[in-house]
N, C-alpha and C. Protein backbone atom coordinates (compact mmCIF):
# COMPACT_ATOMS: atom_id res chain seq x y z
N MET A 1 -271.31 66.35 -109.87
CA MET A 1 -271.60 67.27 -108.81
C MET A 1 -271.54 68.69 -109.32
N VAL A 2 -272.49 69.48 -108.98
CA VAL A 2 -272.50 70.87 -109.39
C VAL A 2 -272.67 71.73 -108.15
N CYS A 3 -271.86 72.74 -108.02
CA CYS A 3 -271.97 73.68 -106.92
C CYS A 3 -272.20 75.06 -107.51
N PHE A 4 -273.28 75.72 -107.14
CA PHE A 4 -273.50 77.04 -107.68
C PHE A 4 -274.28 77.90 -106.70
N ASP A 5 -274.01 79.20 -106.75
CA ASP A 5 -274.67 80.16 -105.87
C ASP A 5 -275.57 81.08 -106.67
N SER A 6 -276.02 80.63 -107.79
CA SER A 6 -276.83 81.42 -108.70
C SER A 6 -277.99 80.57 -109.17
N PRO A 7 -279.12 81.15 -109.51
CA PRO A 7 -280.26 80.34 -109.96
C PRO A 7 -280.04 79.69 -111.32
N GLU A 8 -279.08 80.20 -112.10
CA GLU A 8 -278.84 79.59 -113.41
C GLU A 8 -278.24 78.20 -113.22
N SER A 9 -278.64 77.28 -114.06
CA SER A 9 -278.08 75.93 -113.96
C SER A 9 -276.80 75.85 -114.76
N VAL A 10 -275.90 75.01 -114.28
CA VAL A 10 -274.61 74.81 -114.92
C VAL A 10 -274.49 73.33 -115.21
N SER A 11 -274.06 72.96 -116.41
CA SER A 11 -273.94 71.55 -116.76
C SER A 11 -272.57 71.03 -116.35
N LEU A 12 -272.48 69.71 -116.20
CA LEU A 12 -271.22 69.09 -115.85
C LEU A 12 -270.29 69.09 -117.06
N GLN A 13 -269.02 69.24 -116.81
CA GLN A 13 -268.01 69.23 -117.85
C GLN A 13 -267.35 67.85 -117.89
N ASP A 14 -267.31 67.22 -119.04
CA ASP A 14 -266.64 65.92 -119.17
C ASP A 14 -265.17 66.17 -119.47
N SER A 15 -264.34 65.30 -118.94
CA SER A 15 -262.90 65.42 -119.16
C SER A 15 -262.32 64.02 -119.32
N PRO A 16 -261.06 63.92 -119.79
CA PRO A 16 -260.46 62.59 -119.93
C PRO A 16 -260.31 61.88 -118.59
N VAL A 17 -260.13 62.63 -117.49
CA VAL A 17 -259.91 62.02 -116.19
C VAL A 17 -261.22 61.63 -115.53
N GLY A 18 -262.25 62.40 -115.71
CA GLY A 18 -263.52 62.13 -115.06
C GLY A 18 -264.42 63.33 -115.18
N VAL A 19 -265.30 63.47 -114.26
CA VAL A 19 -266.24 64.58 -114.27
C VAL A 19 -265.70 65.66 -113.34
N TRP A 20 -265.68 66.89 -113.82
CA TRP A 20 -265.18 68.01 -113.04
C TRP A 20 -266.31 68.65 -112.27
N ARG A 21 -265.99 69.26 -111.17
CA ARG A 21 -266.98 69.99 -110.39
C ARG A 21 -266.86 71.47 -110.75
N VAL A 22 -267.97 72.10 -111.11
CA VAL A 22 -267.98 73.49 -111.52
C VAL A 22 -268.56 74.32 -110.38
N CYS A 23 -267.97 75.47 -110.12
CA CYS A 23 -268.42 76.30 -109.02
C CYS A 23 -268.30 77.77 -109.38
N PHE A 24 -269.18 78.60 -108.84
CA PHE A 24 -269.12 80.03 -109.09
C PHE A 24 -268.13 80.74 -108.18
N ARG A 25 -267.91 80.21 -107.00
CA ARG A 25 -266.98 80.83 -106.06
C ARG A 25 -265.93 79.82 -105.63
N PRO A 26 -264.66 80.01 -105.97
CA PRO A 26 -263.63 79.05 -105.56
C PRO A 26 -263.38 79.16 -104.06
N SER A 27 -263.17 78.01 -103.42
CA SER A 27 -262.92 78.00 -101.98
C SER A 27 -261.54 77.49 -101.64
N SER A 28 -260.75 77.09 -102.61
CA SER A 28 -259.39 76.65 -102.32
C SER A 28 -258.51 76.91 -103.53
N CYS A 29 -257.21 76.67 -103.34
CA CYS A 29 -256.25 76.97 -104.40
C CYS A 29 -256.29 75.94 -105.53
N GLU A 30 -257.07 74.87 -105.40
CA GLU A 30 -257.13 73.85 -106.43
C GLU A 30 -258.10 74.20 -107.55
N TRP A 31 -258.80 75.30 -107.41
CA TRP A 31 -259.73 75.74 -108.44
C TRP A 31 -259.01 76.61 -109.45
N ARG A 32 -259.38 76.49 -110.71
CA ARG A 32 -258.81 77.34 -111.75
C ARG A 32 -259.95 77.92 -112.58
N PRO A 33 -259.74 79.08 -113.22
CA PRO A 33 -260.82 79.68 -114.01
C PRO A 33 -261.21 78.80 -115.19
N LEU A 34 -262.50 78.66 -115.43
CA LEU A 34 -263.00 77.91 -116.58
C LEU A 34 -263.52 78.86 -117.65
N GLY A 35 -264.25 79.87 -117.24
CA GLY A 35 -264.83 80.83 -118.17
C GLY A 35 -264.76 82.22 -117.58
N ASP A 36 -265.30 83.15 -118.27
CA ASP A 36 -265.28 84.51 -117.74
C ASP A 36 -266.70 85.05 -117.65
N MET A 37 -266.81 86.27 -117.18
CA MET A 37 -268.12 86.87 -116.96
C MET A 37 -268.86 87.14 -118.25
N ASN A 38 -268.17 87.21 -119.39
CA ASN A 38 -268.81 87.47 -120.67
C ASN A 38 -269.41 86.21 -121.29
N ASP A 39 -269.10 85.04 -120.71
CA ASP A 39 -269.61 83.78 -121.21
C ASP A 39 -271.11 83.69 -120.92
N PRO A 40 -271.97 83.48 -121.94
CA PRO A 40 -273.41 83.45 -121.69
C PRO A 40 -273.83 82.31 -120.78
N GLY A 41 -273.08 81.21 -120.75
CA GLY A 41 -273.43 80.09 -119.88
C GLY A 41 -273.13 80.36 -118.42
N ALA A 42 -272.34 81.37 -118.12
CA ALA A 42 -271.97 81.66 -116.75
C ALA A 42 -272.97 82.55 -116.04
N GLY A 43 -273.91 83.11 -116.76
CA GLY A 43 -274.91 83.97 -116.15
C GLY A 43 -274.32 85.26 -115.60
N GLY A 44 -273.28 85.79 -116.24
CA GLY A 44 -272.66 87.03 -115.80
C GLY A 44 -271.69 86.86 -114.66
N GLN A 45 -271.35 85.60 -114.29
CA GLN A 45 -270.40 85.36 -113.21
C GLN A 45 -269.22 84.57 -113.74
N GLU A 46 -268.12 84.64 -113.03
CA GLU A 46 -266.93 83.91 -113.42
C GLU A 46 -267.07 82.45 -112.97
N LEU A 47 -266.76 81.51 -113.85
CA LEU A 47 -266.83 80.08 -113.53
C LEU A 47 -265.44 79.58 -113.18
N TRP A 48 -265.38 78.64 -112.23
CA TRP A 48 -264.14 78.00 -111.83
C TRP A 48 -264.33 76.51 -111.90
N VAL A 49 -263.27 75.78 -112.13
CA VAL A 49 -263.34 74.33 -112.21
C VAL A 49 -262.23 73.74 -111.34
N LEU A 50 -262.51 72.61 -110.71
CA LEU A 50 -261.55 71.93 -109.86
C LEU A 50 -260.57 71.18 -110.74
N ASP A 51 -259.26 71.27 -110.43
CA ASP A 51 -258.23 70.63 -111.24
C ASP A 51 -258.21 69.11 -111.09
N ARG A 52 -258.86 68.59 -110.10
CA ARG A 52 -258.91 67.14 -109.93
C ARG A 52 -260.30 66.75 -109.47
N PRO A 53 -260.75 65.54 -109.76
CA PRO A 53 -262.07 65.13 -109.29
C PRO A 53 -262.13 65.09 -107.77
N MET A 54 -263.28 65.43 -107.21
CA MET A 54 -263.46 65.40 -105.76
C MET A 54 -263.44 63.95 -105.30
N GLN A 55 -262.75 63.67 -104.20
CA GLN A 55 -262.71 62.33 -103.66
C GLN A 55 -263.87 62.16 -102.68
N THR A 56 -264.51 61.03 -102.73
CA THR A 56 -265.62 60.79 -101.82
C THR A 56 -265.18 59.84 -100.72
N LEU A 57 -265.92 59.84 -99.65
CA LEU A 57 -265.61 58.95 -98.52
C LEU A 57 -266.21 57.57 -98.70
N ARG A 58 -267.02 57.38 -99.72
CA ARG A 58 -267.70 56.10 -99.88
C ARG A 58 -266.72 54.93 -99.93
N CYS A 59 -265.65 55.07 -100.68
CA CYS A 59 -264.70 53.97 -100.81
C CYS A 59 -263.60 54.05 -99.75
N ALA A 60 -263.54 55.11 -98.96
CA ALA A 60 -262.49 55.29 -97.97
C ALA A 60 -263.05 55.22 -96.56
N LYS A 61 -264.04 54.38 -96.36
CA LYS A 61 -264.71 54.32 -95.06
C LYS A 61 -264.49 52.96 -94.40
N LEU A 62 -264.17 52.98 -93.12
CA LEU A 62 -264.14 51.74 -92.35
C LEU A 62 -265.57 51.31 -92.11
N ARG A 63 -265.91 50.07 -92.39
CA ARG A 63 -267.29 49.64 -92.29
C ARG A 63 -267.49 48.51 -91.28
N LYS A 64 -266.54 47.62 -91.15
CA LYS A 64 -266.74 46.42 -90.33
C LYS A 64 -266.21 46.62 -88.91
N HIS A 65 -266.93 46.03 -87.97
CA HIS A 65 -266.54 46.09 -86.57
C HIS A 65 -265.15 45.48 -86.37
N ALA A 66 -264.84 44.42 -87.08
CA ALA A 66 -263.54 43.77 -86.96
C ALA A 66 -262.40 44.71 -87.37
N ASP A 67 -262.64 45.57 -88.37
CA ASP A 67 -261.62 46.54 -88.78
C ASP A 67 -261.37 47.57 -87.68
N TYR A 68 -262.43 48.05 -87.05
CA TYR A 68 -262.27 48.97 -85.92
C TYR A 68 -261.48 48.30 -84.80
N GLN A 69 -261.83 47.06 -84.47
CA GLN A 69 -261.15 46.36 -83.38
C GLN A 69 -259.68 46.12 -83.70
N ARG A 70 -259.36 45.82 -84.96
CA ARG A 70 -257.96 45.63 -85.35
C ARG A 70 -257.17 46.92 -85.17
N VAL A 71 -257.75 48.05 -85.55
CA VAL A 71 -257.06 49.34 -85.39
C VAL A 71 -256.82 49.62 -83.92
N TYR A 72 -257.83 49.38 -83.06
CA TYR A 72 -257.65 49.61 -81.62
C TYR A 72 -256.57 48.69 -81.05
N ARG A 73 -256.52 47.45 -81.50
CA ARG A 73 -255.58 46.46 -80.99
C ARG A 73 -254.15 46.77 -81.43
N GLU A 74 -253.96 47.21 -82.68
CA GLU A 74 -252.61 47.42 -83.22
C GLU A 74 -252.07 48.83 -83.01
N SER A 75 -252.88 49.71 -82.47
CA SER A 75 -252.46 51.09 -82.34
C SER A 75 -252.50 51.53 -80.88
N ARG A 76 -252.15 52.79 -80.68
CA ARG A 76 -252.32 53.39 -79.37
C ARG A 76 -253.05 54.71 -79.55
N LYS A 77 -253.52 55.27 -78.46
CA LYS A 77 -254.33 56.48 -78.50
C LYS A 77 -253.44 57.72 -78.72
N HIS A 78 -253.84 58.56 -79.69
CA HIS A 78 -253.18 59.83 -79.96
C HIS A 78 -254.22 60.92 -79.72
N SER A 79 -253.76 62.09 -79.30
CA SER A 79 -254.69 63.17 -78.98
C SER A 79 -254.39 64.43 -79.75
N SER A 80 -255.44 65.18 -80.01
CA SER A 80 -255.32 66.52 -80.58
C SER A 80 -256.37 67.37 -79.83
N PRO A 81 -256.42 68.67 -80.06
CA PRO A 81 -257.33 69.51 -79.26
C PRO A 81 -258.81 69.12 -79.31
N SER A 82 -259.32 68.69 -80.45
CA SER A 82 -260.75 68.39 -80.49
C SER A 82 -261.08 66.95 -80.87
N MET A 83 -260.09 66.06 -80.84
CA MET A 83 -260.38 64.66 -81.11
C MET A 83 -259.22 63.78 -80.66
N THR A 84 -259.51 62.50 -80.51
CA THR A 84 -258.48 61.50 -80.32
C THR A 84 -258.54 60.59 -81.54
N TYR A 85 -257.42 59.93 -81.84
CA TYR A 85 -257.40 59.09 -83.03
C TYR A 85 -256.47 57.90 -82.86
N PHE A 86 -256.74 56.87 -83.62
CA PHE A 86 -255.96 55.64 -83.68
C PHE A 86 -255.67 55.38 -85.14
N PHE A 87 -254.52 54.78 -85.45
CA PHE A 87 -254.25 54.38 -86.83
C PHE A 87 -253.39 53.13 -86.87
N ALA A 88 -253.56 52.33 -87.91
CA ALA A 88 -252.81 51.10 -88.09
C ALA A 88 -252.62 50.84 -89.58
N GLU A 89 -251.45 50.35 -89.93
CA GLU A 89 -251.17 49.96 -91.32
C GLU A 89 -252.06 48.79 -91.68
N ARG A 90 -252.46 48.74 -92.92
CA ARG A 90 -253.29 47.64 -93.41
C ARG A 90 -252.44 46.80 -94.35
N LYS A 91 -252.32 45.53 -94.03
CA LYS A 91 -251.50 44.64 -94.86
C LYS A 91 -252.34 43.63 -95.64
N ALA A 92 -253.59 43.39 -95.22
CA ALA A 92 -254.43 42.37 -95.85
C ALA A 92 -254.83 42.75 -97.28
N HIS A 93 -255.29 43.98 -97.50
CA HIS A 93 -255.70 44.45 -98.82
C HIS A 93 -254.98 45.77 -99.08
N PRO A 94 -253.70 45.72 -99.48
CA PRO A 94 -252.89 46.94 -99.54
C PRO A 94 -253.23 47.89 -100.68
N ALA A 95 -253.98 47.50 -101.67
CA ALA A 95 -254.21 48.38 -102.82
C ALA A 95 -255.48 49.22 -102.68
N GLU A 96 -256.11 49.22 -101.53
CA GLU A 96 -257.38 49.92 -101.38
C GLU A 96 -257.23 51.39 -101.02
N GLY A 97 -256.08 51.82 -100.53
CA GLY A 97 -255.90 53.20 -100.11
C GLY A 97 -256.30 53.39 -98.66
N PRO A 98 -256.25 54.61 -98.18
CA PRO A 98 -256.58 54.86 -96.78
C PRO A 98 -258.08 54.73 -96.51
N ARG A 99 -258.40 54.30 -95.28
CA ARG A 99 -259.80 54.23 -94.86
C ARG A 99 -259.94 54.93 -93.51
N VAL A 100 -261.04 55.63 -93.33
CA VAL A 100 -261.27 56.40 -92.11
C VAL A 100 -262.60 55.99 -91.51
N GLY A 101 -262.60 55.82 -90.18
CA GLY A 101 -263.83 55.52 -89.45
C GLY A 101 -264.07 56.59 -88.41
N LEU A 102 -265.32 56.93 -88.21
CA LEU A 102 -265.71 57.93 -87.21
C LEU A 102 -266.58 57.28 -86.16
N THR A 103 -266.41 57.72 -84.91
CA THR A 103 -267.30 57.26 -83.86
C THR A 103 -267.90 58.48 -83.18
N ALA A 104 -269.13 58.36 -82.77
CA ALA A 104 -269.81 59.43 -82.04
C ALA A 104 -270.78 58.77 -81.07
N GLY A 105 -270.32 58.56 -79.85
CA GLY A 105 -271.14 57.90 -78.84
C GLY A 105 -272.13 58.85 -78.20
N ARG A 106 -272.98 58.30 -77.36
CA ARG A 106 -274.04 59.08 -76.73
C ARG A 106 -273.50 60.15 -75.79
N VAL A 107 -272.28 60.01 -75.37
CA VAL A 107 -271.70 61.01 -74.48
C VAL A 107 -271.55 62.37 -75.17
N LEU A 108 -271.56 62.38 -76.50
CA LEU A 108 -271.42 63.62 -77.26
C LEU A 108 -272.72 64.42 -77.34
N GLY A 109 -273.82 63.84 -76.95
CA GLY A 109 -275.08 64.57 -76.98
C GLY A 109 -276.19 63.74 -77.61
N LYS A 110 -277.29 64.41 -77.85
CA LYS A 110 -278.43 63.73 -78.47
C LYS A 110 -278.14 63.46 -79.94
N ALA A 111 -279.03 62.75 -80.59
CA ALA A 111 -278.80 62.30 -81.97
C ALA A 111 -278.55 63.45 -82.93
N VAL A 112 -279.26 64.55 -82.77
CA VAL A 112 -279.09 65.69 -83.67
C VAL A 112 -277.66 66.23 -83.58
N GLU A 113 -277.14 66.35 -82.35
CA GLU A 113 -275.79 66.86 -82.16
C GLU A 113 -274.75 65.87 -82.66
N ARG A 114 -274.96 64.58 -82.38
CA ARG A 114 -274.02 63.56 -82.86
C ARG A 114 -273.97 63.54 -84.39
N ASN A 115 -275.13 63.65 -85.04
CA ASN A 115 -275.16 63.66 -86.50
C ASN A 115 -274.45 64.88 -87.06
N ARG A 116 -274.62 66.02 -86.41
CA ARG A 116 -273.93 67.23 -86.87
C ARG A 116 -272.42 67.08 -86.72
N ILE A 117 -271.97 66.51 -85.61
CA ILE A 117 -270.54 66.25 -85.41
C ILE A 117 -270.01 65.35 -86.52
N LYS A 118 -270.75 64.28 -86.82
CA LYS A 118 -270.30 63.35 -87.87
C LYS A 118 -270.27 64.01 -89.23
N ARG A 119 -271.25 64.85 -89.55
CA ARG A 119 -271.25 65.55 -90.84
C ARG A 119 -270.04 66.47 -90.96
N ARG A 120 -269.76 67.21 -89.91
CA ARG A 120 -268.61 68.12 -89.94
C ARG A 120 -267.30 67.35 -90.08
N MET A 121 -267.19 66.24 -89.36
CA MET A 121 -265.97 65.43 -89.42
C MET A 121 -265.81 64.79 -90.80
N ARG A 122 -266.91 64.28 -91.36
CA ARG A 122 -266.82 63.67 -92.70
C ARG A 122 -266.35 64.68 -93.73
N GLU A 123 -266.84 65.90 -93.67
CA GLU A 123 -266.43 66.92 -94.63
C GLU A 123 -264.97 67.30 -94.44
N ALA A 124 -264.52 67.43 -93.19
CA ALA A 124 -263.11 67.76 -92.94
C ALA A 124 -262.20 66.63 -93.43
N VAL A 125 -262.62 65.39 -93.22
CA VAL A 125 -261.82 64.25 -93.69
C VAL A 125 -261.81 64.21 -95.21
N ARG A 126 -262.96 64.41 -95.84
CA ARG A 126 -263.03 64.38 -97.30
C ARG A 126 -262.13 65.44 -97.91
N PHE A 127 -262.09 66.59 -97.29
CA PHE A 127 -261.27 67.69 -97.80
C PHE A 127 -259.78 67.35 -97.73
N ASN A 128 -259.35 66.57 -96.73
CA ASN A 128 -257.93 66.28 -96.51
C ASN A 128 -257.52 64.86 -96.88
N LEU A 129 -258.43 64.08 -97.42
CA LEU A 129 -258.15 62.66 -97.68
C LEU A 129 -257.00 62.45 -98.65
N ASN A 130 -256.81 63.36 -99.58
CA ASN A 130 -255.73 63.19 -100.56
C ASN A 130 -254.35 63.35 -99.95
N ALA A 131 -254.26 63.83 -98.71
CA ALA A 131 -252.96 63.96 -98.03
C ALA A 131 -252.42 62.59 -97.61
N LEU A 132 -253.28 61.61 -97.52
CA LEU A 132 -252.84 60.26 -97.15
C LEU A 132 -252.46 59.48 -98.39
N THR A 133 -251.24 58.99 -98.42
CA THR A 133 -250.76 58.27 -99.60
C THR A 133 -250.53 56.79 -99.34
N ARG A 134 -250.74 56.34 -98.14
CA ARG A 134 -250.46 54.93 -97.86
C ARG A 134 -251.72 54.21 -97.42
N ASP A 135 -251.61 52.90 -97.33
CA ASP A 135 -252.74 52.07 -96.93
C ASP A 135 -252.79 52.00 -95.41
N VAL A 136 -253.63 52.81 -94.85
CA VAL A 136 -253.74 52.91 -93.40
C VAL A 136 -255.21 53.03 -93.03
N ASP A 137 -255.55 52.45 -91.88
CA ASP A 137 -256.89 52.59 -91.33
C ASP A 137 -256.81 53.54 -90.16
N ILE A 138 -257.73 54.52 -90.12
CA ILE A 138 -257.73 55.55 -89.09
C ILE A 138 -259.10 55.57 -88.45
N VAL A 139 -259.13 55.66 -87.13
CA VAL A 139 -260.39 55.82 -86.40
C VAL A 139 -260.29 57.15 -85.66
N LEU A 140 -261.27 58.02 -85.89
CA LEU A 140 -261.32 59.34 -85.26
C LEU A 140 -262.43 59.37 -84.22
N HIS A 141 -262.10 59.84 -83.01
CA HIS A 141 -263.07 60.01 -81.94
C HIS A 141 -263.19 61.51 -81.67
N PRO A 142 -264.19 62.18 -82.23
CA PRO A 142 -264.31 63.62 -81.98
C PRO A 142 -264.78 63.91 -80.56
N LYS A 143 -264.41 65.10 -80.08
CA LYS A 143 -264.91 65.58 -78.79
C LYS A 143 -266.10 66.49 -79.05
N ARG A 144 -266.79 66.85 -78.00
CA ARG A 144 -267.98 67.68 -78.14
C ARG A 144 -267.65 69.06 -78.70
N SER A 145 -266.42 69.51 -78.55
CA SER A 145 -266.02 70.84 -79.03
C SER A 145 -266.08 70.94 -80.56
N VAL A 146 -266.16 69.82 -81.26
CA VAL A 146 -266.25 69.84 -82.73
C VAL A 146 -267.53 70.58 -83.17
N LEU A 147 -268.54 70.58 -82.32
CA LEU A 147 -269.79 71.28 -82.65
C LEU A 147 -269.59 72.78 -82.79
N THR A 148 -268.72 73.36 -81.98
CA THR A 148 -268.60 74.81 -81.93
C THR A 148 -267.32 75.36 -82.55
N VAL A 149 -266.35 74.53 -82.81
CA VAL A 149 -265.08 75.01 -83.36
C VAL A 149 -265.28 75.49 -84.80
N ASP A 150 -264.54 76.51 -85.18
CA ASP A 150 -264.61 77.03 -86.54
C ASP A 150 -264.21 75.91 -87.51
N PHE A 151 -264.94 75.80 -88.62
CA PHE A 151 -264.69 74.69 -89.55
C PHE A 151 -263.29 74.74 -90.15
N ALA A 152 -262.76 75.93 -90.39
CA ALA A 152 -261.39 76.04 -90.93
C ALA A 152 -260.38 75.46 -89.94
N LEU A 153 -260.58 75.67 -88.65
CA LEU A 153 -259.69 75.09 -87.64
C LEU A 153 -259.83 73.58 -87.61
N LEU A 154 -261.05 73.09 -87.76
CA LEU A 154 -261.27 71.64 -87.78
C LEU A 154 -260.57 71.00 -88.98
N ARG A 155 -260.70 71.63 -90.14
CA ARG A 155 -260.00 71.11 -91.33
C ARG A 155 -258.50 71.11 -91.12
N GLY A 156 -257.97 72.17 -90.53
CA GLY A 156 -256.54 72.25 -90.26
C GLY A 156 -256.08 71.18 -89.28
N GLU A 157 -256.90 70.91 -88.28
CA GLU A 157 -256.54 69.88 -87.31
C GLU A 157 -256.51 68.50 -87.95
N VAL A 158 -257.50 68.20 -88.79
CA VAL A 158 -257.50 66.91 -89.49
C VAL A 158 -256.29 66.83 -90.42
N SER A 159 -255.94 67.93 -91.05
CA SER A 159 -254.76 67.96 -91.92
C SER A 159 -253.50 67.65 -91.13
N LYS A 160 -253.36 68.23 -89.93
CA LYS A 160 -252.19 67.96 -89.08
C LYS A 160 -252.14 66.51 -88.64
N ILE A 161 -253.30 65.94 -88.34
CA ILE A 161 -253.35 64.53 -87.94
C ILE A 161 -252.89 63.65 -89.09
N PHE A 162 -253.40 63.90 -90.30
CA PHE A 162 -253.00 63.10 -91.45
C PHE A 162 -251.52 63.28 -91.75
N ALA A 163 -250.98 64.48 -91.58
CA ALA A 163 -249.55 64.71 -91.79
C ALA A 163 -248.72 63.94 -90.77
N ALA A 164 -249.17 63.89 -89.51
CA ALA A 164 -248.46 63.14 -88.49
C ALA A 164 -248.46 61.65 -88.81
N ILE A 165 -249.56 61.16 -89.34
CA ILE A 165 -249.64 59.74 -89.72
C ILE A 165 -248.68 59.46 -90.87
N GLU A 166 -248.61 60.35 -91.85
CA GLU A 166 -247.68 60.18 -92.97
C GLU A 166 -246.23 60.26 -92.49
N GLN A 167 -245.91 61.15 -91.56
CA GLN A 167 -244.55 61.27 -91.04
C GLN A 167 -244.16 60.04 -90.25
N ALA A 168 -245.09 59.42 -89.57
CA ALA A 168 -244.79 58.21 -88.81
C ALA A 168 -244.27 57.13 -89.74
N ARG A 169 -244.80 57.05 -90.93
CA ARG A 169 -244.32 56.05 -91.89
C ARG A 169 -242.94 56.41 -92.40
N SER A 170 -242.72 57.69 -92.70
CA SER A 170 -241.42 58.09 -93.25
C SER A 170 -240.31 57.91 -92.22
N ARG A 171 -240.62 57.98 -90.93
CA ARG A 171 -239.62 57.76 -89.89
C ARG A 171 -239.43 56.28 -89.61
N GLY A 172 -240.27 55.44 -90.18
CA GLY A 172 -240.19 54.00 -89.95
C GLY A 172 -240.71 53.61 -88.58
N VAL A 173 -241.64 54.38 -88.04
CA VAL A 173 -242.19 54.13 -86.73
C VAL A 173 -243.46 53.32 -86.87
N THR A 174 -243.64 52.35 -85.98
CA THR A 174 -244.89 51.60 -85.97
C THR A 174 -245.95 52.45 -85.30
N PRO A 175 -247.22 52.20 -85.56
CA PRO A 175 -248.28 53.01 -84.99
C PRO A 175 -248.24 53.12 -83.47
N ARG A 176 -247.82 52.06 -82.75
CA ARG A 176 -247.78 52.12 -81.29
C ARG A 176 -246.70 53.07 -80.79
N GLN A 177 -245.69 53.37 -81.61
CA GLN A 177 -244.60 54.24 -81.20
C GLN A 177 -244.76 55.67 -81.70
N ALA A 178 -245.68 55.93 -82.61
CA ALA A 178 -245.79 57.24 -83.26
C ALA A 178 -246.35 58.29 -82.31
N LYS A 179 -245.78 59.48 -82.35
CA LYS A 179 -246.30 60.62 -81.59
C LYS A 179 -246.41 61.80 -82.53
N PRO A 180 -247.57 62.48 -82.59
CA PRO A 180 -247.74 63.61 -83.51
C PRO A 180 -246.99 64.85 -83.07
């Protein structure tokens, strides 16, 4: 993956851990300087590199209807300002890591609006997915306000939800008893 705000092309950097993402403008504290403005490959701009590979949602996605139904059955409804969520521990395949499912029904608007809500939610989840350290399945039900809320607030809200889910485990609370 390459992220750049300049017409010059930037090649991917290979590392022992994997492929790093290179960017001209850092957007979080996980970026560190890779080169300087005098580097001819940078095109006169400072290069930054991410200290860890970006996590994708491809392997952390709930896919089967039965998984959604299990989460609904084993959990209870939790609320936050712009979404409701359910979560349940996964015992069948414990080594897979956390999985997240999104729902966007017709009540949220026409297809264009629903797709935009899902894109925003997927990006907020991807940004905060590393905060989850246990094998848990989460289903997020966004509200229509996700369309207009500032993206930084949305990311913060997803971060708080994931922190509440992690705290529920540390307190030894089952999902039906957990309160954020």
